[in-house]
Amino acid sequence: MVNRKAILFWLIGSVCVFFSSLILGNIQPEVLGATTESVILAYIIGFILIMLGGMFWISTAVVELEE
C-alpha cells in the first residue's frame, strides 16, 4: 500500500532543499547593492530551508520505519 504521507513529506523536503540550494548557490556578497544584512539573511534562509528539508526527510524515514 502506498503511504501518501511519506511521499508528501519526501516531496516537501526535496522542494525545501532545492530552494535552499538555489538561494545559497547564488549568494554573491561583492555584487553592487548587496548589503551585509541581505547576505546574512540569505544565508540564514538557506540554512533554515536545509534544516526543514532534513526534518521532512527524517519524518519520512520514521513513518516508513513504523510500518
Protein backbone atom coordinates (compact mmCIF):
# COMPACT_ATOMS: atom_id res chain seq x y z
CA MET A 1 0.00 0.00 0.00
CA VAL A 2 1.26 3.45 -0.92
CA ASN A 3 1.80 5.75 2.03
CA ARG A 4 0.73 9.19 0.80
CA LYS A 5 2.05 10.96 3.91
CA ALA A 6 5.56 9.62 3.36
CA ILE A 7 5.52 10.62 -0.30
CA LEU A 8 4.23 14.10 0.54
CA PHE A 9 6.91 14.62 3.22
CA TRP A 10 9.60 13.39 0.83
CA LEU A 11 8.46 15.84 -1.87
CA ILE A 12 8.20 18.80 0.53
CA GLY A 13 11.70 18.03 1.83
CA SER A 14 13.03 17.87 -1.71
CA VAL A 15 11.48 21.22 -2.59
CA CYS A 16 12.93 22.84 0.55
CA VAL A 17 16.43 21.55 -0.20
CA PHE A 18 16.09 22.57 -3.86
CA PHE A 19 15.16 26.16 -3.00
CA SER A 20 17.89 26.37 -0.37
CA SER A 21 20.48 25.25 -2.92
CA LEU A 22 19.18 27.89 -5.35
CA ILE A 23 19.49 30.59 -2.70
CA LEU A 24 22.85 29.50 -1.30
CA GLY A 25 24.34 28.86 -4.73
CA ASN A 26 23.65 32.38 -5.94
CA ILE A 27 24.88 34.45 -2.99
CA GLN A 28 27.46 36.96 -4.19
CA PRO A 29 28.44 39.45 -1.50
CA GLU A 30 30.55 41.53 -3.89
CA VAL A 31 27.60 42.38 -6.16
CA LEU A 32 26.68 46.06 -6.26
CA GLY A 33 23.73 46.69 -3.96
CA ALA A 34 24.24 43.64 -1.74
CA THR A 35 24.44 44.70 1.88
CA THR A 36 25.91 42.70 4.71
CA GLU A 37 22.46 42.28 6.20
CA SER A 38 20.95 40.91 2.98
CA VAL A 39 23.78 38.40 2.56
CA ILE A 40 23.43 37.22 6.16
CA LEU A 41 19.66 36.95 5.72
CA ALA A 42 20.13 34.85 2.57
CA TYR A 43 22.49 32.52 4.45
CA ILE A 44 20.01 32.19 7.31
CA ILE A 45 17.07 31.47 4.99
CA GLY A 46 19.09 28.87 3.07
CA PHE A 47 20.23 27.19 6.28
CA ILE A 48 16.68 27.09 7.66
CA LEU A 49 15.39 25.55 4.43
CA ILE A 50 18.07 22.85 4.53
CA MET A 51 17.18 22.04 8.13
CA LEU A 52 13.46 21.99 7.27
CA GLY A 53 14.06 19.67 4.31
CA GLY A 54 16.11 17.36 6.50
CA MET A 55 13.34 17.34 9.10
CA PHE A 56 10.83 16.26 6.46
CA TRP A 57 13.16 13.51 5.22
CA ILE A 58 13.73 12.24 8.75
CA SER A 59 9.97 12.26 9.31
CA THR A 60 9.58 10.18 6.16
CA ALA A 61 12.12 7.68 7.44
CA VAL A 62 10.29 7.44 10.77
CA VAL A 63 6.94 6.89 9.04
CA GLU A 64 8.44 4.14 6.87
CA LEU A 65 10.11 2.53 9.86
CA GLU A 66 6.85 2.38 11.81
CA GLU A 67 5.12 0.41 9.09
